[in-house]
Amino acid sequence: MPTEGGDELLSYKEIVFGLLERAKQYPQSARERGAHGSAVVSFTLNDAGDLTNVSLLQSSGETDLDIESLALVSRAAPFPRPPLGAQRSFAAEITFGLERND
């Protein structure tokens, strides 16, 4: 985790969101229907970087995309240990679309 020459707290958020993006899988059922959309998920981490809570704040309008949005947070966990003072509660918009092979 970067600690020199940059904002460590911002870097931690970037790392968390990067791990979410790597864990994302476009559900085959949604791909076959050409479904796309964005869901917003909320999640909280503890001092060790473990997931303590995850919930859907806003639906994408597609059940399989909502389910995947919640599942990817669990797949990405555990996250690195947050530095002192780092944000521990997040809201992330998870977007699925055919244009980028999400």
PDB file of N, CA and C in Angstrom:
ATOM      1  N   MET A   1       0.838  -1.168   0.000  1.00  0.00           N
ATOM      2  CA  MET A   1       0.000   0.000   0.000  1.00  0.00           C
ATOM      3  C   MET A   1       0.892   1.243   0.000  1.00  0.00           C
ATOM      4  N   PRO A   2       0.637   2.213  -0.886  1.00  0.00           N
ATOM      5  CA  PRO A   2       1.488   3.389  -0.941  1.00  0.00           C
ATOM      6  C   PRO A   2       1.406   4.199   0.354  1.00  0.00           C
ATOM      7  N   THR A   3       2.583   4.621   0.848  1.00  0.00           N
ATOM      8  CA  THR A   3       2.602   5.439   2.050  1.00  0.00           C
ATOM      9  C   THR A   3       3.491   6.661   1.900  1.00  0.00           C
ATOM     10  N   GLU A   4       4.314   6.728   0.876  1.00  0.00           N
ATOM     11  CA  GLU A   4       5.192   7.870   0.685  1.00  0.00           C
ATOM     12  C   GLU A   4       4.811   8.616  -0.580  1.00  0.00           C
ATOM     13  N   GLY A   5       4.915   9.927  -0.518  1.00  0.00           N
ATOM     14  CA  GLY A   5       4.707  10.742  -1.718  1.00  0.00           C
ATOM     15  C   GLY A   5       3.267  10.808  -2.181  1.00  0.00           C
ATOM     16  N   GLY A   6       2.316  10.432  -1.334  1.00  0.00           N
ATOM     17  CA  GLY A   6       0.920  10.474  -1.737  1.00  0.00           C
ATOM     18  C   GLY A   6       0.016  10.443  -0.536  1.00  0.00           C
ATOM     19  N   ASP A   7      -1.247  10.548  -0.764  1.00  0.00           N
ATOM     20  CA  ASP A   7      -2.225  10.530   0.315  1.00  0.00           C
ATOM     21  C   ASP A   7      -2.573   9.086   0.620  1.00  0.00           C
ATOM     22  N   GLU A   8      -2.118   8.589   1.757  1.00  0.00           N
ATOM     23  CA  GLU A   8      -2.315   7.187   2.119  1.00  0.00           C
ATOM     24  C   GLU A   8      -3.797   6.836   2.245  1.00  0.00           C
ATOM     25  N   LEU A   9      -4.595   7.765   2.795  1.00  0.00           N
ATOM     26  CA  LEU A   9      -6.009   7.481   2.998  1.00  0.00           C
ATOM     27  C   LEU A   9      -6.737   7.389   1.664  1.00  0.00           C
ATOM     28  N   LEU A  10      -6.443   8.289   0.735  1.00  0.00           N
ATOM     29  CA  LEU A  10      -7.033   8.226  -0.599  1.00  0.00           C
ATOM     30  C   LEU A  10      -6.569   6.960  -1.309  1.00  0.00           C
ATOM     31  N   SER A  11      -5.312   6.623  -1.147  1.00  0.00           N
ATOM     32  CA  SER A  11      -4.784   5.415  -1.776  1.00  0.00           C
ATOM     33  C   SER A  11      -5.506   4.172  -1.279  1.00  0.00           C
ATOM     34  N   TYR A  12      -5.860   4.142   0.016  1.00  0.00           N
ATOM     35  CA  TYR A  12      -6.571   2.984   0.547  1.00  0.00           C
ATOM     36  C   TYR A  12      -7.924   2.835  -0.132  1.00  0.00           C
ATOM     37  N   LYS A  13      -8.651   3.922  -0.293  1.00  0.00           N
ATOM     38  CA  LYS A  13      -9.948   3.867  -0.972  1.00  0.00           C
ATOM     39  C   LYS A  13      -9.769   3.382  -2.406  1.00  0.00           C
ATOM     40  N   GLU A  14      -8.738   3.853  -3.081  1.00  0.00           N
ATOM     41  CA  GLU A  14      -8.470   3.406  -4.455  1.00  0.00           C
ATOM     42  C   GLU A  14      -8.173   1.912  -4.499  1.00  0.00           C
ATOM     43  N   ILE A  15      -7.445   1.423  -3.513  1.00  0.00           N
ATOM     44  CA  ILE A  15      -7.137  -0.008  -3.456  1.00  0.00           C
ATOM     45  C   ILE A  15      -8.417  -0.814  -3.263  1.00  0.00           C
ATOM     46  N   VAL A  16      -9.268  -0.378  -2.330  1.00  0.00           N
ATOM     47  CA  VAL A  16     -10.529  -1.081  -2.063  1.00  0.00           C
ATOM     48  C   VAL A  16     -11.384  -1.133  -3.328  1.00  0.00           C
ATOM     49  N   PHE A  17     -11.545   0.012  -3.998  1.00  0.00           N
ATOM     50  CA  PHE A  17     -12.385   0.039  -5.191  1.00  0.00           C
ATOM     51  C   PHE A  17     -11.742  -0.735  -6.346  1.00  0.00           C
ATOM     52  N   GLY A  18     -10.433  -0.760  -6.413  1.00  0.00           N
ATOM     53  CA  GLY A  18      -9.746  -1.565  -7.421  1.00  0.00           C
ATOM     54  C   GLY A  18      -9.988  -3.054  -7.215  1.00  0.00           C
ATOM     55  N   LEU A  19      -9.984  -3.482  -5.954  1.00  0.00           N
ATOM     56  CA  LEU A  19     -10.256  -4.890  -5.650  1.00  0.00           C
ATOM     57  C   LEU A  19     -11.695  -5.254  -6.009  1.00  0.00           C
ATOM     58  N   LEU A  20     -12.611  -4.324  -5.803  1.00  0.00           N
ATOM     59  CA  LEU A  20     -14.004  -4.571  -6.210  1.00  0.00           C
ATOM     60  C   LEU A  20     -14.085  -4.776  -7.720  1.00  0.00           C
ATOM     61  N   GLU A  21     -13.422  -3.921  -8.464  1.00  0.00           N
ATOM     62  CA  GLU A  21     -13.472  -4.010  -9.926  1.00  0.00           C
ATOM     63  C   GLU A  21     -12.897  -5.341 -10.409  1.00  0.00           C
ATOM     64  N   ARG A  22     -11.829  -5.801  -9.780  1.00  0.00           N
ATOM     65  CA  ARG A  22     -11.231  -7.082 -10.180  1.00  0.00           C
ATOM     66  C   ARG A  22     -12.120  -8.268  -9.850  1.00  0.00           C
ATOM     67  N   ALA A  23     -12.957  -8.140  -8.817  1.00  0.00           N
ATOM     68  CA  ALA A  23     -13.834  -9.246  -8.401  1.00  0.00           C
ATOM     69  C   ALA A  23     -15.126  -9.299  -9.209  1.00  0.00           C
ATOM     70  N   LYS A  24     -15.401  -8.264 -10.005  1.00  0.00           N
ATOM     71  CA  LYS A  24     -16.675  -8.183 -10.728  1.00  0.00           C
ATOM     72  C   LYS A  24     -16.745  -9.222 -11.850  1.00  0.00           C
ATOM     73  N   GLN A  25     -17.898  -9.870 -11.927  1.00  0.00           N
ATOM     74  CA  GLN A  25     -18.165 -10.847 -12.989  1.00  0.00           C
ATOM     75  C   GLN A  25     -19.534 -10.531 -13.577  1.00  0.00           C
ATOM     76  N   TYR A  26     -19.579 -10.338 -14.867  1.00  0.00           N
ATOM     77  CA  TYR A  26     -20.850 -10.041 -15.531  1.00  0.00           C
ATOM     78  C   TYR A  26     -21.646 -11.343 -15.585  1.00  0.00           C
ATOM     79  N   PRO A  27     -22.794 -11.422 -14.919  1.00  0.00           N
ATOM     80  CA  PRO A  27     -23.559 -12.678 -14.914  1.00  0.00           C
ATOM     81  C   PRO A  27     -23.945 -13.112 -16.332  1.00  0.00           C
ATOM     82  N   GLN A  28     -23.760 -14.386 -16.598  1.00  0.00           N
ATOM     83  CA  GLN A  28     -24.065 -14.916 -17.933  1.00  0.00           C
ATOM     84  C   GLN A  28     -25.517 -14.673 -18.316  1.00  0.00           C
ATOM     85  N   SER A  29     -26.425 -14.824 -17.357  1.00  0.00           N
ATOM     86  CA  SER A  29     -27.849 -14.613 -17.645  1.00  0.00           C
ATOM     87  C   SER A  29     -28.102 -13.172 -18.086  1.00  0.00           C
ATOM     88  N   ALA A  30     -27.433 -12.225 -17.459  1.00  0.00           N
ATOM     89  CA  ALA A  30     -27.591 -10.813 -17.828  1.00  0.00           C
ATOM     90  C   ALA A  30     -26.945 -10.547 -19.180  1.00  0.00           C
ATOM     91  N   ARG A  31     -25.795 -11.149 -19.417  1.00  0.00           N
ATOM     92  CA  ARG A  31     -25.087 -10.980 -20.696  1.00  0.00           C
ATOM     93  C   ARG A  31     -25.962 -11.481 -21.848  1.00  0.00           C
ATOM     94  N   GLU A  32     -26.579 -12.639 -21.653  1.00  0.00           N
ATOM     95  CA  GLU A  32     -27.422 -13.219 -22.705  1.00  0.00           C
ATOM     96  C   GLU A  32     -28.634 -12.348 -23.024  1.00  0.00           C
ATOM     97  N   ARG A  33     -29.173 -11.654 -22.021  1.00  0.00           N
ATOM     98  CA  ARG A  33     -30.318 -10.770 -22.225  1.00  0.00           C
ATOM     99  C   ARG A  33     -29.902  -9.379 -22.689  1.00  0.00           C
ATOM    100  N   GLY A  34     -28.613  -9.093 -22.639  1.00  0.00           N
ATOM    101  CA  GLY A  34     -28.143  -7.752 -22.954  1.00  0.00           C
ATOM    102  C   GLY A  34     -28.463  -6.768 -21.850  1.00  0.00           C
ATOM    103  N   ALA A  35     -28.633  -7.271 -20.644  1.00  0.00           N
ATOM    104  CA  ALA A  35     -28.977  -6.419 -19.502  1.00  0.00           C
ATOM    105  C   ALA A  35     -27.790  -5.560 -19.114  1.00  0.00           C
ATOM    106  N   HIS A  36     -28.099  -4.357 -18.689  1.00  0.00           N
ATOM    107  CA  HIS A  36     -27.071  -3.460 -18.187  1.00  0.00           C
ATOM    108  C   HIS A  36     -27.683  -2.573 -17.111  1.00  0.00           C
ATOM    109  N   GLY A  37     -26.840  -1.986 -16.300  1.00  0.00           N
ATOM    110  CA  GLY A  37     -27.327  -1.106 -15.251  1.00  0.00           C
ATOM    111  C   GLY A  37     -26.278  -0.901 -14.179  1.00  0.00           C
ATOM    112  N   SER A  38     -26.641  -0.081 -13.211  1.00  0.00           N
ATOM    113  CA  SER A  38     -25.752   0.225 -12.089  1.00  0.00           C
ATOM    114  C   SER A  38     -26.499   0.022 -10.784  1.00  0.00           C
ATOM    115  N   ALA A  39     -25.845  -0.642  -9.865  1.00  0.00           N
ATOM    116  CA  ALA A  39     -26.367  -0.817  -8.514  1.00  0.00           C
ATOM    117  C   ALA A  39     -25.412  -0.097  -7.565  1.00  0.00           C
ATOM    118  N   VAL A  40     -25.921   0.330  -6.440  1.00  0.00           N
ATOM    119  CA  VAL A  40     -25.076   0.942  -5.416  1.00  0.00           C
ATOM    120  C   VAL A  40     -25.105   0.041  -4.186  1.00  0.00           C
ATOM    121  N   VAL A  41     -23.925  -0.362  -3.755  1.00  0.00           N
ATOM    122  CA  VAL A  41     -23.798  -1.202  -2.569  1.00  0.00           C
ATOM    123  C   VAL A  41     -23.066  -0.432  -1.472  1.00  0.00           C
ATOM    124  N   SER A  42     -23.446  -0.723  -0.256  1.00  0.00           N
ATOM    125  CA  SER A  42     -22.806  -0.142   0.911  1.00  0.00           C
ATOM    126  C   SER A  42     -22.119  -1.276   1.654  1.00  0.00           C
ATOM    127  N   PHE A  43     -20.909  -1.005   2.174  1.00  0.00           N
ATOM    128  CA  PHE A  43     -20.238  -2.027   2.965  1.00  0.00           C
ATOM    129  C   PHE A  43     -19.305  -1.378   3.976  1.00  0.00           C
ATOM    130  N   THR A  44     -19.038  -2.139   5.026  1.00  0.00           N
ATOM    131  CA  THR A  44     -18.195  -1.664   6.117  1.00  0.00           C
ATOM    132  C   THR A  44     -17.114  -2.690   6.396  1.00  0.00           C
ATOM    133  N   LEU A  45     -15.925  -2.184   6.709  1.00  0.00           N
ATOM    134  CA  LEU A  45     -14.781  -3.033   7.040  1.00  0.00           C
ATOM    135  C   LEU A  45     -14.387  -2.817   8.489  1.00  0.00           C
ATOM    136  N   ASN A  46     -13.827  -3.851   9.108  1.00  0.00           N
ATOM    137  CA  ASN A  46     -13.320  -3.687  10.471  1.00  0.00           C
ATOM    138  C   ASN A  46     -11.834  -3.319  10.430  1.00  0.00           C
ATOM    139  N   ASP A  47     -11.208  -3.264  11.593  1.00  0.00           N
ATOM    140  CA  ASP A  47      -9.802  -2.858  11.682  1.00  0.00           C
ATOM    141  C   ASP A  47      -8.859  -3.788  10.932  1.00  0.00           C
ATOM    142  N   ALA A  48      -9.266  -5.027  10.737  1.00  0.00           N
ATOM    143  CA  ALA A  48      -8.425  -6.000  10.038  1.00  0.00           C
ATOM    144  C   ALA A  48      -8.671  -6.010   8.527  1.00  0.00           C
ATOM    145  N   GLY A  49      -9.687  -5.254   8.065  1.00  0.00           N
ATOM    146  CA  GLY A  49     -10.024  -5.254   6.642  1.00  0.00           C
ATOM    147  C   GLY A  49     -11.077  -6.287   6.281  1.00  0.00           C
ATOM    148  N   ASP A  50     -11.648  -6.930   7.286  1.00  0.00           N
ATOM    149  CA  ASP A  50     -12.698  -7.917   7.043  1.00  0.00           C
ATOM    150  C   ASP A  50     -14.035  -7.214   6.826  1.00  0.00           C
ATOM    151  N   LEU A  51     -14.850  -7.795   5.986  1.00  0.00           N
ATOM    152  CA  LEU A  51     -16.180  -7.276   5.686  1.00  0.00           C
ATOM    153  C   LEU A  51     -17.097  -7.536   6.872  1.00  0.00           C
ATOM    154  N   THR A  52     -17.749  -6.471   7.371  1.00  0.00           N
ATOM    155  CA  THR A  52     -18.660  -6.648   8.504  1.00  0.00           C
ATOM    156  C   THR A  52     -20.110  -6.412   8.115  1.00  0.00           C
ATOM    157  N   ASN A  53     -20.339  -5.755   6.989  1.00  0.00           N
ATOM    158  CA  ASN A  53     -21.707  -5.456   6.573  1.00  0.00           C
ATOM    159  C   ASN A  53     -21.702  -5.147   5.082  1.00  0.00           C
ATOM    160  N   VAL A  54     -22.700  -5.646   4.380  1.00  0.00           N
ATOM    161  CA  VAL A  54     -22.877  -5.289   2.972  1.00  0.00           C
ATOM    162  C   VAL A  54     -24.372  -5.237   2.691  1.00  0.00           C
ATOM    163  N   SER A  55     -24.798  -4.204   1.969  1.00  0.00           N
ATOM    164  CA  SER A  55     -26.217  -4.083   1.639  1.00  0.00           C
ATOM    165  C   SER A  55     -26.392  -3.347   0.322  1.00  0.00           C
ATOM    166  N   LEU A  56     -27.542  -3.542  -0.276  1.00  0.00           N
ATOM    167  CA  LEU A  56     -27.886  -2.890  -1.533  1.00  0.00           C
ATOM    168  C   LEU A  56     -28.585  -1.569  -1.220  1.00  0.00           C
ATOM    169  N   LEU A  57     -27.988  -0.465  -1.645  1.00  0.00           N
ATOM    170  CA  LEU A  57     -28.584   0.851  -1.423  1.00  0.00           C
ATOM    171  C   LEU A  57     -29.517   1.248  -2.559  1.00  0.00           C
ATOM    172  N   GLN A  58     -29.139   0.844  -3.777  1.00  0.00           N
ATOM    173  CA  GLN A  58     -29.943   1.191  -4.954  1.00  0.00           C
ATOM    174  C   GLN A  58     -29.873   0.051  -5.957  1.00  0.00           C
ATOM    175  N   SER A  59     -31.018  -0.388  -6.403  1.00  0.00           N
ATOM    176  CA  SER A  59     -31.099  -1.487  -7.358  1.00  0.00           C
ATOM    177  C   SER A  59     -30.721  -1.029  -8.763  1.00  0.00           C
ATOM    178  N   SER A  60     -30.182  -1.952  -9.518  1.00  0.00           N
ATOM    179  CA  SER A  60     -29.895  -1.707 -10.931  1.00  0.00           C
ATOM    180  C   SER A  60     -31.146  -1.882 -11.787  1.00  0.00           C
ATOM    181  N   GLY A  61     -32.180  -2.487 -11.189  1.00  0.00           N
ATOM    182  CA  GLY A  61     -33.378  -2.837 -11.939  1.00  0.00           C
ATOM    183  C   GLY A  61     -33.307  -4.239 -12.511  1.00  0.00           C
ATOM    184  N   GLU A  62     -32.188  -4.906 -12.315  1.00  0.00           N
ATOM    185  CA  GLU A  62     -31.979  -6.277 -12.800  1.00  0.00           C
ATOM    186  C   GLU A  62     -31.551  -7.139 -11.613  1.00  0.00           C
ATOM    187  N   THR A  63     -32.349  -8.130 -11.266  1.00  0.00           N
ATOM    188  CA  THR A  63     -32.080  -8.950 -10.086  1.00  0.00           C
ATOM    189  C   THR A  63     -30.703  -9.593 -10.122  1.00  0.00           C
ATOM    190  N   ASP A  64     -30.313 -10.174 -11.263  1.00  0.00           N
ATOM    191  CA  ASP A  64     -29.017 -10.857 -11.314  1.00  0.00           C
ATOM    192  C   ASP A  64     -27.849  -9.880 -11.172  1.00  0.00           C
ATOM    193  N   LEU A  65     -27.999  -8.648 -11.649  1.00  0.00           N
ATOM    194  CA  LEU A  65     -26.942  -7.652 -11.479  1.00  0.00           C
ATOM    195  C   LEU A  65     -26.862  -7.194 -10.023  1.00  0.00           C
ATOM    196  N   ASP A  66     -28.020  -7.083  -9.363  1.00  0.00           N
ATOM    197  CA  ASP A  66     -28.018  -6.721  -7.945  1.00  0.00           C
ATOM    198  C   ASP A  66     -27.345  -7.813  -7.113  1.00  0.00           C
ATOM    199  N   ILE A  67     -27.676  -9.062  -7.397  1.00  0.00           N
ATOM    200  CA  ILE A  67     -27.077 -10.180  -6.668  1.00  0.00           C
ATOM    201  C   ILE A  67     -25.567 -10.198  -6.876  1.00  0.00           C
ATOM    202  N   GLU A  68     -25.120  -9.994  -8.097  1.00  0.00           N
ATOM    203  CA  GLU A  68     -23.687  -9.969  -8.385  1.00  0.00           C
ATOM    204  C   GLU A  68     -23.011  -8.791  -7.703  1.00  0.00           C
ATOM    205  N   SER A  69     -23.671  -7.654  -7.642  1.00  0.00           N
ATOM    206  CA  SER A  69     -23.086  -6.478  -6.982  1.00  0.00           C
ATOM    207  C   SER A  69     -22.793  -6.761  -5.514  1.00  0.00           C
ATOM    208  N   LEU A  70     -23.694  -7.464  -4.841  1.00  0.00           N
ATOM    209  CA  LEU A  70     -23.471  -7.841  -3.447  1.00  0.00           C
ATOM    210  C   LEU A  70     -22.402  -8.931  -3.335  1.00  0.00           C
ATOM    211  N   ALA A  71     -22.448  -9.896  -4.233  1.00  0.00           N
ATOM    212  CA  ALA A  71     -21.518 -11.024  -4.180  1.00  0.00           C
ATOM    213  C   ALA A  71     -20.073 -10.589  -4.430  1.00  0.00           C
ATOM    214  N   LEU A  72     -19.878  -9.628  -5.311  1.00  0.00           N
ATOM    215  CA  LEU A  72     -18.501  -9.243  -5.628  1.00  0.00           C
ATOM    216  C   LEU A  72     -17.811  -8.608  -4.440  1.00  0.00           C
ATOM    217  N   VAL A  73     -18.557  -7.920  -3.579  1.00  0.00           N
ATOM    218  CA  VAL A  73     -17.947  -7.344  -2.380  1.00  0.00           C
ATOM    219  C   VAL A  73     -17.427  -8.473  -1.490  1.00  0.00           C
ATOM    220  N   SER A  74     -18.206  -9.518  -1.319  1.00  0.00           N
ATOM    221  CA  SER A  74     -17.773 -10.664  -0.517  1.00  0.00           C
ATOM    222  C   SER A  74     -16.580 -11.367  -1.152  1.00  0.00           C
ATOM    223  N   ARG A  75     -16.578 -11.483  -2.483  1.00  0.00           N
ATOM    224  CA  ARG A  75     -15.450 -12.131  -3.178  1.00  0.00           C
ATOM    225  C   ARG A  75     -14.169 -11.331  -3.035  1.00  0.00           C
ATOM    226  N   ALA A  76     -14.280 -10.013  -3.012  1.00  0.00           N
ATOM    227  CA  ALA A  76     -13.101  -9.156  -2.918  1.00  0.00           C
ATOM    228  C   ALA A  76     -12.487  -9.181  -1.508  1.00  0.00           C
ATOM    229  N   ALA A  77     -13.287  -9.515  -0.508  1.00  0.00           N
ATOM    230  CA  ALA A  77     -12.811  -9.548   0.878  1.00  0.00           C
ATOM    231  C   ALA A  77     -11.934 -10.776   1.118  1.00  0.00           C
ATOM    232  N   PRO A  78     -11.033 -10.742   2.083  1.00  0.00           N
ATOM    233  CA  PRO A  78     -10.753  -9.611   2.954  1.00  0.00           C
ATOM    234  C   PRO A  78      -9.926  -8.555   2.228  1.00  0.00           C
ATOM    235  N   PHE A  79     -10.105  -7.334   2.637  1.00  0.00           N
ATOM    236  CA  PHE A  79      -9.360  -6.211   2.098  1.00  0.00           C
ATOM    237  C   PHE A  79      -8.111  -5.993   2.949  1.00  0.00           C
ATOM    238  N   PRO A  80      -7.146  -5.244   2.426  1.00  0.00           N
ATOM    239  CA  PRO A  80      -5.965  -4.954   3.256  1.00  0.00           C
ATOM    240  C   PRO A  80      -6.374  -4.207   4.532  1.00  0.00           C
ATOM    241  N   ARG A  81      -5.574  -4.347   5.553  1.00  0.00           N
ATOM    242  CA  ARG A  81      -5.826  -3.645   6.814  1.00  0.00           C
ATOM    243  C   ARG A  81      -5.823  -2.140   6.551  1.00  0.00           C
ATOM    244  N   PRO A  82      -6.886  -1.433   6.977  1.00  0.00           N
ATOM    245  CA  PRO A  82      -6.937   0.011   6.742  1.00  0.00           C
ATOM    246  C   PRO A  82      -5.894   0.750   7.585  1.00  0.00           C
ATOM    247  N   PRO A  83      -5.255   1.759   7.014  1.00  0.00           N
ATOM    248  CA  PRO A  83      -4.350   2.572   7.825  1.00  0.00           C
ATOM    249  C   PRO A  83      -5.139   3.375   8.858  1.00  0.00           C
ATOM    250  N   LEU A  84      -4.475   3.817   9.888  1.00  0.00           N
ATOM    251  CA  LEU A  84      -5.100   4.600  10.939  1.00  0.00           C
ATOM    252  C   LEU A  84      -5.807   5.810  10.331  1.00  0.00           C
ATOM    253  N   GLY A  85      -7.081   5.975  10.660  1.00  0.00           N
ATOM    254  CA  GLY A  85      -7.846   7.116  10.177  1.00  0.00           C
ATOM    255  C   GLY A  85      -8.485   6.931   8.816  1.00  0.00           C
ATOM    256  N   ALA A  86      -8.276   5.791   8.194  1.00  0.00           N
ATOM    257  CA  ALA A  86      -8.838   5.550   6.861  1.00  0.00           C
ATOM    258  C   ALA A  86     -10.339   5.299   6.944  1.00  0.00           C
ATOM    259  N   GLN A  87     -11.004   5.647   5.888  1.00  0.00           N
ATOM    260  CA  GLN A  87     -12.437   5.382   5.739  1.00  0.00           C
ATOM    261  C   GLN A  87     -12.677   3.878   5.846  1.00  0.00           C
ATOM    262  N   ARG A  88     -13.748   3.500   6.550  1.00  0.00           N
ATOM    263  CA  ARG A  88     -14.077   2.080   6.713  1.00  0.00           C
ATOM    264  C   ARG A  88     -15.456   1.740   6.183  1.00  0.00           C
ATOM    265  N   SER A  89     -16.270   2.746   5.924  1.00  0.00           N
ATOM    266  CA  SER A  89     -17.602   2.535   5.362  1.00  0.00           C
ATOM    267  C   SER A  89     -17.628   3.147   3.972  1.00  0.00           C
ATOM    268  N   PHE A  90     -18.133   2.381   3.022  1.00  0.00           N
ATOM    269  CA  PHE A  90     -18.085   2.797   1.621  1.00  0.00           C
ATOM    270  C   PHE A  90     -19.442   2.604   0.961  1.00  0.00           C
ATOM    271  N   ALA A  91     -19.689   3.385  -0.060  1.00  0.00           N
ATOM    272  CA  ALA A  91     -20.800   3.171  -0.987  1.00  0.00           C
ATOM    273  C   ALA A  91     -20.168   3.134  -2.364  1.00  0.00           C
ATOM    274  N   ALA A  92     -20.415   2.072  -3.091  1.00  0.00           N
ATOM    275  CA  ALA A  92     -19.793   1.895  -4.401  1.00  0.00           C
ATOM    276  C   ALA A  92     -20.860   1.660  -5.461  1.00  0.00           C
ATOM    277  N   GLU A  93     -20.733   2.380  -6.565  1.00  0.00           N
ATOM    278  CA  GLU A  93     -21.615   2.155  -7.704  1.00  0.00           C
ATOM    279  C   GLU A  93     -20.971   1.080  -8.569  1.00  0.00           C
ATOM    280  N   ILE A  94     -21.700   0.013  -8.797  1.00  0.00           N
ATOM    281  CA  ILE A  94     -21.219  -1.112  -9.602  1.00  0.00           C
ATOM    282  C   ILE A  94     -21.985  -1.071 -10.918  1.00  0.00           C
ATOM    283  N   THR A  95     -21.252  -0.860 -11.997  1.00  0.00           N
ATOM    284  CA  THR A  95     -21.887  -0.706 -13.313  1.00  0.00           C
ATOM    285  C   THR A  95     -21.578  -1.894 -14.194  1.00  0.00           C
ATOM    286  N   PHE A  96     -22.615  -2.382 -14.855  1.00  0.00           N
ATOM    287  CA  PHE A  96     -22.487  -3.494 -15.790  1.00  0.00           C
ATOM    288  C   PHE A  96     -23.000  -3.020 -17.147  1.00  0.00           C
ATOM    289  N   GLY A  97     -22.223  -3.282 -18.181  1.00  0.00           N
ATOM    290  CA  GLY A  97     -22.634  -2.934 -19.523  1.00  0.00           C
ATOM    291  C   GLY A  97     -21.882  -3.781 -20.521  1.00  0.00           C
ATOM    292  N   LEU A  98     -22.454  -3.953 -21.679  1.00  0.00           N
ATOM    293  CA  LEU A  98     -21.845  -4.813 -22.685  1.00  0.00           C
ATOM    294  C   LEU A  98     -20.675  -4.158 -23.402  1.00  0.00           C
ATOM    295  N   GLU A  99     -20.598  -2.832 -23.383  1.00  0.00           N
ATOM    296  CA  GLU A  99     -19.581  -2.142 -24.170  1.00  0.00           C
ATOM    297  C   GLU A  99     -18.147  -2.437 -23.737  1.00  0.00           C
ATOM    298  N   ARG A 100     -17.919  -2.801 -22.461  1.00  0.00           N
ATOM    299  CA  ARG A 100     -16.560  -3.048 -22.000  1.00  0.00           C
ATOM    300  C   ARG A 100     -16.314  -4.495 -21.601  1.00  0.00           C
ATOM    301  N   ASN A 101     -17.208  -5.388 -21.918  1.00  0.00           N
ATOM    302  CA  ASN A 101     -17.080  -6.791 -21.492  1.00  0.00           C
ATOM    303  C   ASN A 101     -17.020  -6.917 -19.986  1.00  0.00           C
ATOM    304  N   ASP A 102     -17.843  -6.134 -19.275  1.00  0.00           N
ATOM    305  CA  ASP A 102     -17.879  -6.177 -17.822  1.00  0.00           C
ATOM    306  C   ASP A 102     -18.371  -7.535 -17.379  1.00  0.00           C
TER     307      ASP A 102
END
